[in-house]
Amino acid sequence: MVSSDAFKQVMRRWASTVTIITTKAGDTIYGLTATAFSSLSVNPPEVFVSINKQTRTHPLIEQGGVFCVNFLAPEMTHISDRFAGRYPNEERFQDVRYRAEATGAPVLDDAIAYLDCAVARALDAGDHTIFIGLVQASGVQRPDDAPLLYFNGRYHRLGDAAT
């Protein structure tokens, strides 16, 4: 088996859309920055997020049974940094406009798109849990904007098409 460091070096070469995964359990809302997200199925519409078991978000997704994937735009690096653990929870949503849609998990008003999900299944995956979400509501809020990307430890903008 490869070492954690060798694995991380390879995974740094995987360009990913930066998302904020939000959740709600009771009166508590929370969110974190994540790139471990993917579509899973079109029929039914399902996605998955991979959440580290040590995060404060993990037990809230388990308790509340909901999450929202918010896709960030390139000018939102400060929001990504805020939700990446550099700020306490009470400051993460400060000055961030959001609303509730179908599940109650926060939908960020400035996100370019979102997928509001109810947890359908949870799979144990080492130090993470893979939460599979059935999409309850979705929207493209900024149809002309490309997403913020994360590659090799840095933020990037989407460039010109290769062909």
N, C-alpha and C. Protein backbone atom coordinates (compact mmCIF):
# COMPACT_ATOMS: atom_id res chain seq x y z
N MET A 1 0.84 -1.18 0.00
CA MET A 1 0.00 0.00 0.00
C MET A 1 0.89 1.25 0.00
N VAL A 2 0.50 2.27 -0.76
CA VAL A 2 1.28 3.50 -0.83
C VAL A 2 1.14 4.28 0.47
N SER A 3 2.09 5.16 0.72
CA SER A 3 2.04 6.00 1.92
C SER A 3 1.01 7.12 1.73
N SER A 4 0.59 7.69 2.85
CA SER A 4 -0.34 8.84 2.80
C SER A 4 0.26 9.99 2.01
N ASP A 5 1.56 10.25 2.21
CA ASP A 5 2.21 11.35 1.50
C ASP A 5 2.24 11.11 0.00
N ALA A 6 2.56 9.89 -0.42
CA ALA A 6 2.58 9.58 -1.86
C ALA A 6 1.19 9.73 -2.46
N PHE A 7 0.18 9.27 -1.74
CA PHE A 7 -1.20 9.39 -2.20
C PHE A 7 -1.59 10.86 -2.34
N LYS A 8 -1.25 11.67 -1.33
CA LYS A 8 -1.58 13.10 -1.38
C LYS A 8 -0.89 13.80 -2.55
N GLN A 9 0.34 13.43 -2.85
CA GLN A 9 1.06 14.05 -3.96
C GLN A 9 0.36 13.78 -5.29
N VAL A 10 -0.14 12.58 -5.47
CA VAL A 10 -0.88 12.27 -6.70
C VAL A 10 -2.20 13.04 -6.72
N MET A 11 -2.92 13.05 -5.61
CA MET A 11 -4.24 13.69 -5.57
C MET A 11 -4.15 15.21 -5.76
N ARG A 12 -3.00 15.80 -5.46
CA ARG A 12 -2.82 17.24 -5.70
C ARG A 12 -2.88 17.56 -7.19
N ARG A 13 -2.73 16.56 -8.03
CA ARG A 13 -2.78 16.75 -9.49
C ARG A 13 -4.20 16.65 -10.02
N TRP A 14 -5.18 16.43 -9.15
CA TRP A 14 -6.58 16.32 -9.53
C TRP A 14 -7.22 17.68 -9.33
N ALA A 15 -7.55 18.35 -10.42
CA ALA A 15 -8.23 19.65 -10.33
C ALA A 15 -9.69 19.42 -9.96
N SER A 16 -10.17 20.16 -8.97
CA SER A 16 -11.53 19.97 -8.48
C SER A 16 -12.24 21.30 -8.31
N THR A 17 -13.55 21.28 -8.49
CA THR A 17 -14.38 22.44 -8.18
C THR A 17 -14.43 22.61 -6.67
N VAL A 18 -14.26 23.84 -6.22
CA VAL A 18 -14.33 24.13 -4.78
C VAL A 18 -15.79 24.31 -4.39
N THR A 19 -16.20 23.59 -3.37
CA THR A 19 -17.57 23.67 -2.88
C THR A 19 -17.58 23.98 -1.39
N ILE A 20 -18.68 24.54 -0.94
CA ILE A 20 -18.97 24.63 0.48
C ILE A 20 -20.11 23.65 0.73
N ILE A 21 -19.86 22.69 1.61
CA ILE A 21 -20.90 21.74 2.00
C ILE A 21 -21.52 22.28 3.27
N THR A 22 -22.81 22.59 3.22
CA THR A 22 -23.51 23.11 4.39
C THR A 22 -24.49 22.06 4.89
N THR A 23 -24.86 22.20 6.16
CA THR A 23 -25.81 21.28 6.76
C THR A 23 -26.58 21.98 7.86
N LYS A 24 -27.64 21.34 8.29
CA LYS A 24 -28.45 21.85 9.40
C LYS A 24 -28.93 20.67 10.23
N ALA A 25 -28.75 20.79 11.54
CA ALA A 25 -29.25 19.80 12.49
C ALA A 25 -29.91 20.57 13.62
N GLY A 26 -31.21 20.49 13.74
CA GLY A 26 -31.93 21.30 14.72
C GLY A 26 -31.78 22.76 14.37
N ASP A 27 -31.31 23.56 15.32
CA ASP A 27 -31.10 24.99 15.08
C ASP A 27 -29.67 25.31 14.67
N THR A 28 -28.83 24.30 14.53
CA THR A 28 -27.42 24.51 14.22
C THR A 28 -27.17 24.37 12.73
N ILE A 29 -26.52 25.40 12.16
CA ILE A 29 -26.05 25.30 10.77
C ILE A 29 -24.53 25.25 10.79
N TYR A 30 -23.97 24.61 9.80
CA TYR A 30 -22.53 24.50 9.74
C TYR A 30 -22.13 24.30 8.29
N GLY A 31 -20.86 24.50 8.02
CA GLY A 31 -20.37 24.29 6.68
C GLY A 31 -18.87 24.13 6.65
N LEU A 32 -18.38 23.49 5.58
CA LEU A 32 -16.95 23.35 5.39
C LEU A 32 -16.63 23.37 3.91
N THR A 33 -15.41 23.74 3.60
CA THR A 33 -14.91 23.72 2.22
C THR A 33 -14.54 22.29 1.87
N ALA A 34 -14.92 21.87 0.66
CA ALA A 34 -14.62 20.50 0.24
C ALA A 34 -14.46 20.43 -1.27
N THR A 35 -13.61 19.53 -1.71
CA THR A 35 -13.49 19.22 -3.13
C THR A 35 -13.84 17.76 -3.40
N ALA A 36 -14.06 16.98 -2.34
CA ALA A 36 -14.39 15.55 -2.48
C ALA A 36 -15.89 15.39 -2.68
N PHE A 37 -16.33 15.68 -3.89
CA PHE A 37 -17.73 15.66 -4.26
C PHE A 37 -17.84 15.15 -5.69
N SER A 38 -18.92 14.44 -5.99
CA SER A 38 -19.15 14.00 -7.37
C SER A 38 -20.61 13.65 -7.57
N SER A 39 -21.03 13.70 -8.84
CA SER A 39 -22.35 13.17 -9.18
C SER A 39 -22.26 11.65 -9.14
N LEU A 40 -23.39 11.02 -8.89
CA LEU A 40 -23.42 9.57 -8.76
C LEU A 40 -24.43 8.95 -9.71
N SER A 41 -25.62 9.55 -9.79
CA SER A 41 -26.70 8.99 -10.60
C SER A 41 -27.60 10.11 -11.09
N VAL A 42 -28.14 9.95 -12.28
CA VAL A 42 -29.10 10.91 -12.82
C VAL A 42 -30.52 10.50 -12.45
N ASN A 43 -30.78 9.19 -12.45
CA ASN A 43 -32.12 8.71 -12.15
C ASN A 43 -32.03 7.57 -11.14
N PRO A 44 -32.21 7.82 -9.85
CA PRO A 44 -32.60 9.10 -9.26
C PRO A 44 -31.41 10.06 -9.19
N PRO A 45 -31.68 11.37 -9.06
CA PRO A 45 -30.58 12.33 -8.98
C PRO A 45 -29.85 12.22 -7.64
N GLU A 46 -28.62 11.68 -7.69
CA GLU A 46 -27.84 11.50 -6.47
C GLU A 46 -26.41 12.02 -6.67
N VAL A 47 -25.85 12.52 -5.58
CA VAL A 47 -24.47 12.96 -5.53
C VAL A 47 -23.85 12.36 -4.26
N PHE A 48 -22.52 12.46 -4.17
CA PHE A 48 -21.92 12.07 -2.90
C PHE A 48 -20.86 13.08 -2.49
N VAL A 49 -20.69 13.19 -1.18
CA VAL A 49 -19.63 13.99 -0.58
C VAL A 49 -18.87 13.08 0.36
N SER A 50 -17.58 13.29 0.45
CA SER A 50 -16.73 12.52 1.34
C SER A 50 -16.27 13.45 2.45
N ILE A 51 -16.70 13.17 3.68
CA ILE A 51 -16.46 14.07 4.81
C ILE A 51 -15.60 13.37 5.86
N ASN A 52 -14.52 14.03 6.26
CA ASN A 52 -13.64 13.52 7.30
C ASN A 52 -14.43 13.36 8.60
N LYS A 53 -14.26 12.24 9.26
CA LYS A 53 -14.99 11.96 10.49
C LYS A 53 -14.61 12.89 11.64
N GLN A 54 -13.46 13.53 11.55
CA GLN A 54 -12.99 14.42 12.63
C GLN A 54 -13.54 15.84 12.53
N THR A 55 -14.21 16.18 11.44
CA THR A 55 -14.74 17.54 11.30
C THR A 55 -15.99 17.72 12.15
N ARG A 56 -16.28 18.97 12.46
CA ARG A 56 -17.51 19.28 13.20
C ARG A 56 -18.74 19.11 12.31
N THR A 57 -18.54 19.16 11.01
CA THR A 57 -19.66 19.00 10.08
C THR A 57 -20.17 17.56 10.05
N HIS A 58 -19.29 16.61 10.19
CA HIS A 58 -19.64 15.19 10.06
C HIS A 58 -20.81 14.78 10.95
N PRO A 59 -20.75 15.00 12.28
CA PRO A 59 -21.88 14.56 13.11
C PRO A 59 -23.17 15.33 12.82
N LEU A 60 -23.05 16.55 12.35
CA LEU A 60 -24.25 17.33 12.03
C LEU A 60 -24.94 16.78 10.78
N ILE A 61 -24.17 16.34 9.79
CA ILE A 61 -24.79 15.70 8.63
C ILE A 61 -25.47 14.39 9.07
N GLU A 62 -24.80 13.64 9.94
CA GLU A 62 -25.41 12.41 10.45
C GLU A 62 -26.72 12.70 11.19
N GLN A 63 -26.70 13.71 12.06
CA GLN A 63 -27.89 14.02 12.87
C GLN A 63 -29.01 14.63 12.04
N GLY A 64 -28.67 15.61 11.21
CA GLY A 64 -29.68 16.32 10.44
C GLY A 64 -30.16 15.58 9.21
N GLY A 65 -29.29 14.73 8.66
CA GLY A 65 -29.65 13.96 7.47
C GLY A 65 -29.77 14.79 6.20
N VAL A 66 -29.13 15.96 6.18
CA VAL A 66 -29.20 16.83 5.00
C VAL A 66 -27.85 17.49 4.75
N PHE A 67 -27.61 17.86 3.48
CA PHE A 67 -26.47 18.69 3.14
C PHE A 67 -26.76 19.40 1.83
N CYS A 68 -26.07 20.51 1.63
CA CYS A 68 -26.18 21.26 0.39
C CYS A 68 -24.78 21.48 -0.16
N VAL A 69 -24.60 21.18 -1.44
CA VAL A 69 -23.33 21.41 -2.13
C VAL A 69 -23.45 22.75 -2.84
N ASN A 70 -22.64 23.73 -2.43
CA ASN A 70 -22.63 25.07 -3.01
C ASN A 70 -21.36 25.24 -3.82
N PHE A 71 -21.47 25.48 -5.13
CA PHE A 71 -20.33 25.63 -6.02
C PHE A 71 -19.86 27.08 -5.99
N LEU A 72 -18.57 27.30 -5.68
CA LEU A 72 -18.05 28.66 -5.56
C LEU A 72 -17.55 29.21 -6.88
N ALA A 73 -17.59 30.54 -6.98
CA ALA A 73 -17.06 31.28 -8.13
C ALA A 73 -15.63 31.71 -7.81
N PRO A 74 -14.83 32.06 -8.83
CA PRO A 74 -13.43 32.41 -8.61
C PRO A 74 -13.19 33.56 -7.62
N GLU A 75 -14.12 34.49 -7.52
CA GLU A 75 -13.89 35.61 -6.60
C GLU A 75 -14.26 35.26 -5.16
N MET A 76 -14.58 34.00 -4.89
CA MET A 76 -15.03 33.59 -3.56
C MET A 76 -13.95 32.84 -2.77
N THR A 77 -12.67 33.08 -3.08
CA THR A 77 -11.60 32.39 -2.35
C THR A 77 -11.64 32.72 -0.86
N HIS A 78 -12.01 33.95 -0.51
CA HIS A 78 -12.09 34.33 0.91
C HIS A 78 -13.17 33.52 1.64
N ILE A 79 -14.25 33.20 0.95
CA ILE A 79 -15.30 32.37 1.54
C ILE A 79 -14.79 30.93 1.70
N SER A 80 -14.10 30.44 0.69
CA SER A 80 -13.51 29.10 0.78
C SER A 80 -12.56 29.02 1.97
N ASP A 81 -11.68 30.01 2.12
CA ASP A 81 -10.74 30.03 3.25
C ASP A 81 -11.47 30.06 4.59
N ARG A 82 -12.52 30.85 4.65
CA ARG A 82 -13.28 30.98 5.90
C ARG A 82 -13.87 29.63 6.32
N PHE A 83 -14.42 28.89 5.36
CA PHE A 83 -15.05 27.62 5.67
C PHE A 83 -14.06 26.46 5.72
N ALA A 84 -12.80 26.72 5.41
CA ALA A 84 -11.77 25.67 5.43
C ALA A 84 -11.19 25.46 6.81
N GLY A 85 -11.80 26.03 7.83
CA GLY A 85 -11.35 25.79 9.19
C GLY A 85 -10.53 26.91 9.78
N ARG A 86 -10.36 27.98 9.05
CA ARG A 86 -9.55 29.09 9.55
C ARG A 86 -10.35 30.05 10.43
N TYR A 87 -11.65 29.80 10.53
CA TYR A 87 -12.54 30.64 11.33
C TYR A 87 -13.44 29.74 12.18
N PRO A 88 -13.81 30.22 13.38
CA PRO A 88 -14.79 29.45 14.16
C PRO A 88 -16.15 29.47 13.48
N ASN A 89 -17.00 28.50 13.80
CA ASN A 89 -18.29 28.37 13.12
C ASN A 89 -19.12 29.64 13.19
N GLU A 90 -19.13 30.31 14.34
CA GLU A 90 -19.98 31.50 14.47
C GLU A 90 -19.56 32.62 13.52
N GLU A 91 -18.35 32.57 12.99
CA GLU A 91 -17.90 33.58 12.04
C GLU A 91 -18.01 33.12 10.58
N ARG A 92 -18.22 31.85 10.35
CA ARG A 92 -18.22 31.34 8.98
C ARG A 92 -19.35 31.93 8.14
N PHE A 93 -20.53 32.08 8.72
CA PHE A 93 -21.68 32.59 7.97
C PHE A 93 -21.84 34.11 8.10
N GLN A 94 -20.92 34.76 8.84
CA GLN A 94 -20.99 36.21 9.01
C GLN A 94 -20.82 36.89 7.65
N ASP A 95 -21.75 37.77 7.32
CA ASP A 95 -21.74 38.51 6.05
C ASP A 95 -21.90 37.61 4.82
N VAL A 96 -22.32 36.38 5.01
CA VAL A 96 -22.59 35.47 3.89
C VAL A 96 -24.11 35.33 3.79
N ARG A 97 -24.64 35.77 2.66
CA ARG A 97 -26.10 35.66 2.48
C ARG A 97 -26.45 34.23 2.10
N TYR A 98 -27.46 33.71 2.76
CA TYR A 98 -27.91 32.35 2.46
C TYR A 98 -29.40 32.25 2.75
N ARG A 99 -29.97 31.16 2.27
CA ARG A 99 -31.39 30.90 2.48
C ARG A 99 -31.58 29.39 2.60
N ALA A 100 -32.75 29.00 3.04
CA ALA A 100 -33.10 27.58 3.10
C ALA A 100 -33.95 27.24 1.88
N GLU A 101 -33.71 26.08 1.33
CA GLU A 101 -34.55 25.54 0.25
C GLU A 101 -35.27 24.31 0.80
N ALA A 102 -35.27 23.22 0.08
CA ALA A 102 -36.07 22.04 0.44
C ALA A 102 -35.68 21.40 1.77
N THR A 103 -34.39 21.27 2.04
CA THR A 103 -33.96 20.52 3.23
C THR A 103 -33.69 21.39 4.45
N GLY A 104 -33.52 22.68 4.26
CA GLY A 104 -33.16 23.56 5.36
C GLY A 104 -31.67 23.82 5.47
N ALA A 105 -30.84 23.02 4.76
CA ALA A 105 -29.40 23.28 4.75
C ALA A 105 -29.16 24.60 4.01
N PRO A 106 -28.21 25.43 4.48
CA PRO A 106 -28.01 26.73 3.85
C PRO A 106 -27.58 26.65 2.38
N VAL A 107 -28.29 27.41 1.55
CA VAL A 107 -27.94 27.62 0.15
C VAL A 107 -27.30 29.00 0.08
N LEU A 108 -26.03 29.07 -0.32
CA LEU A 108 -25.33 30.36 -0.39
C LEU A 108 -25.83 31.14 -1.59
N ASP A 109 -26.30 32.37 -1.35
CA ASP A 109 -26.88 33.19 -2.41
C ASP A 109 -25.90 33.50 -3.53
N ASP A 110 -24.61 33.61 -3.22
CA ASP A 110 -23.61 33.97 -4.23
C ASP A 110 -22.96 32.77 -4.90
N ALA A 111 -23.33 31.56 -4.52
CA ALA A 111 -22.79 30.37 -5.18
C ALA A 111 -23.27 30.34 -6.63
N ILE A 112 -22.44 29.78 -7.51
CA ILE A 112 -22.86 29.75 -8.92
C ILE A 112 -23.95 28.70 -9.15
N ALA A 113 -23.97 27.67 -8.32
CA ALA A 113 -24.98 26.62 -8.43
C ALA A 113 -25.03 25.88 -7.09
N TYR A 114 -26.09 25.11 -6.90
CA TYR A 114 -26.22 24.34 -5.67
C TYR A 114 -27.02 23.07 -5.90
N LEU A 115 -26.80 22.10 -5.01
CA LEU A 115 -27.56 20.85 -4.96
C LEU A 115 -27.95 20.63 -3.50
N ASP A 116 -29.22 20.68 -3.21
CA ASP A 116 -29.75 20.55 -1.85
C ASP A 116 -30.22 19.11 -1.66
N CYS A 117 -29.62 18.39 -0.71
CA CYS A 117 -29.77 16.94 -0.66
C CYS A 117 -30.23 16.41 0.69
N ALA A 118 -30.98 15.34 0.65
CA ALA A 118 -31.30 14.53 1.82
C ALA A 118 -30.40 13.29 1.78
N VAL A 119 -29.81 12.95 2.92
CA VAL A 119 -28.92 11.79 2.95
C VAL A 119 -29.74 10.52 2.69
N ALA A 120 -29.33 9.79 1.66
CA ALA A 120 -29.99 8.52 1.32
C ALA A 120 -29.25 7.34 1.95
N ARG A 121 -27.91 7.43 1.97
CA ARG A 121 -27.08 6.37 2.53
C ARG A 121 -25.77 6.99 3.01
N ALA A 122 -25.14 6.29 3.94
CA ALA A 122 -23.82 6.68 4.42
C ALA A 122 -22.93 5.44 4.41
N LEU A 123 -21.75 5.59 3.84
CA LEU A 123 -20.82 4.47 3.72
C LEU A 123 -19.54 4.79 4.46
N ASP A 124 -19.08 3.88 5.28
CA ASP A 124 -17.82 4.04 5.98
C ASP A 124 -16.68 3.90 4.98
N ALA A 125 -15.73 4.84 5.02
CA ALA A 125 -14.60 4.81 4.09
C ALA A 125 -13.34 5.28 4.81
N GLY A 126 -12.76 4.43 5.64
CA GLY A 126 -11.54 4.79 6.36
C GLY A 126 -11.78 5.94 7.31
N ASP A 127 -11.02 7.03 7.13
CA ASP A 127 -11.18 8.18 8.02
C ASP A 127 -12.27 9.14 7.56
N HIS A 128 -13.01 8.76 6.54
CA HIS A 128 -14.12 9.56 6.00
C HIS A 128 -15.41 8.75 5.98
N THR A 129 -16.51 9.46 5.84
CA THR A 129 -17.80 8.85 5.52
C THR A 129 -18.25 9.41 4.19
N ILE A 130 -18.71 8.54 3.32
CA ILE A 130 -19.28 8.97 2.04
C ILE A 130 -20.78 9.09 2.26
N PHE A 131 -21.27 10.32 2.19
CA PHE A 131 -22.70 10.57 2.31
C PHE A 131 -23.28 10.67 0.90
N ILE A 132 -24.21 9.79 0.59
CA ILE A 132 -24.90 9.83 -0.70
C ILE A 132 -26.19 10.61 -0.49
N GLY A 133 -26.36 11.65 -1.30
CA GLY A 133 -27.51 12.52 -1.15
C GLY A 133 -28.46 12.44 -2.32
N LEU A 134 -29.73 12.32 -2.02
CA LEU A 134 -30.79 12.40 -3.03
C LEU A 134 -31.13 13.87 -3.20
N VAL A 135 -30.95 14.40 -4.39
CA VAL A 135 -31.12 15.84 -4.64
C VAL A 135 -32.60 16.21 -4.55
N GLN A 136 -32.90 17.12 -3.61
CA GLN A 136 -34.27 17.58 -3.38
C GLN A 136 -34.57 18.89 -4.10
N ALA A 137 -33.54 19.70 -4.27
CA ALA A 137 -33.67 20.99 -4.97
C ALA A 137 -32.31 21.32 -5.56
N SER A 138 -32.32 22.05 -6.67
CA SER A 138 -31.06 22.45 -7.31
C SER A 138 -31.29 23.76 -8.04
N GLY A 139 -30.19 24.42 -8.35
CA GLY A 139 -30.31 25.65 -9.11
C GLY A 139 -28.98 26.11 -9.65
N VAL A 140 -29.04 26.75 -10.81
CA VAL A 140 -27.88 27.44 -11.38
C VAL A 140 -28.19 28.91 -11.19
N GLN A 141 -27.47 29.55 -10.28
CA GLN A 141 -27.75 30.93 -9.91
C GLN A 141 -26.96 31.93 -10.74
N ARG A 142 -25.86 31.49 -11.31
CA ARG A 142 -25.00 32.36 -12.11
C ARG A 142 -24.58 31.59 -13.36
N PRO A 143 -25.47 31.50 -14.35
CA PRO A 143 -25.24 30.61 -15.49
C PRO A 143 -24.04 30.97 -16.36
N ASP A 144 -23.54 32.17 -16.29
CA ASP A 144 -22.41 32.56 -17.14
C ASP A 144 -21.07 32.44 -16.44
N ASP A 145 -21.06 32.02 -15.17
CA ASP A 145 -19.81 31.96 -14.41
C ASP A 145 -19.25 30.55 -14.33
N ALA A 146 -17.92 30.45 -14.44
CA ALA A 146 -17.21 29.19 -14.27
C ALA A 146 -16.90 29.00 -12.78
N PRO A 147 -16.60 27.79 -12.35
CA PRO A 147 -16.34 27.55 -10.93
C PRO A 147 -14.91 27.89 -10.53
N LEU A 148 -14.74 28.08 -9.23
CA LEU A 148 -13.42 28.17 -8.62
C LEU A 148 -12.84 26.76 -8.58
N LEU A 149 -11.57 26.62 -8.98
CA LEU A 149 -10.91 25.31 -8.98
C LEU A 149 -9.79 25.27 -7.95
N TYR A 150 -9.47 24.06 -7.50
CA TYR A 150 -8.35 23.85 -6.59
C TYR A 150 -7.44 22.80 -7.23
N PHE A 151 -6.16 23.16 -7.39
CA PHE A 151 -5.20 22.27 -8.04
C PHE A 151 -3.83 22.50 -7.44
N ASN A 152 -3.16 21.44 -7.04
CA ASN A 152 -1.80 21.48 -6.53
C ASN A 152 -1.64 22.48 -5.38
N GLY A 153 -2.64 22.50 -4.49
CA GLY A 153 -2.55 23.32 -3.29
C GLY A 153 -2.88 24.79 -3.49
N ARG A 154 -3.43 25.15 -4.66
CA ARG A 154 -3.74 26.56 -4.93
C ARG A 154 -5.07 26.68 -5.65
N TYR A 155 -5.66 27.88 -5.53
CA TYR A 155 -6.88 28.19 -6.27
C TYR A 155 -6.54 28.55 -7.71
N HIS A 156 -7.47 28.21 -8.63
CA HIS A 156 -7.29 28.52 -10.04
C HIS A 156 -8.63 28.89 -10.66
N ARG A 157 -8.52 29.61 -11.78
CA ARG A 157 -9.69 29.91 -12.62
C ARG A 157 -9.67 28.97 -13.81
N LEU A 158 -10.84 28.66 -14.31
CA LEU A 158 -10.94 27.83 -15.50
C LEU A 158 -10.40 28.62 -16.68
N GLY A 159 -9.51 28.00 -17.47
CA GLY A 159 -8.93 28.66 -18.63
C GLY A 159 -9.71 28.38 -19.90
N ASP A 160 -9.08 28.66 -21.00
CA ASP A 160 -9.70 28.43 -22.31
C ASP A 160 -9.91 26.94 -22.54
N ALA A 161 -10.88 26.62 -23.36
CA ALA A 161 -11.14 25.23 -23.72
C ALA A 161 -9.93 24.66 -24.46
N ALA A 162 -9.66 23.38 -24.27
CA ALA A 162 -8.49 22.74 -24.87
C ALA A 162 -8.66 22.50 -26.37
N THR A 163 -9.87 22.46 -26.86
CA THR A 163 -10.07 22.22 -28.29
C THR A 163 -10.85 23.35 -28.92
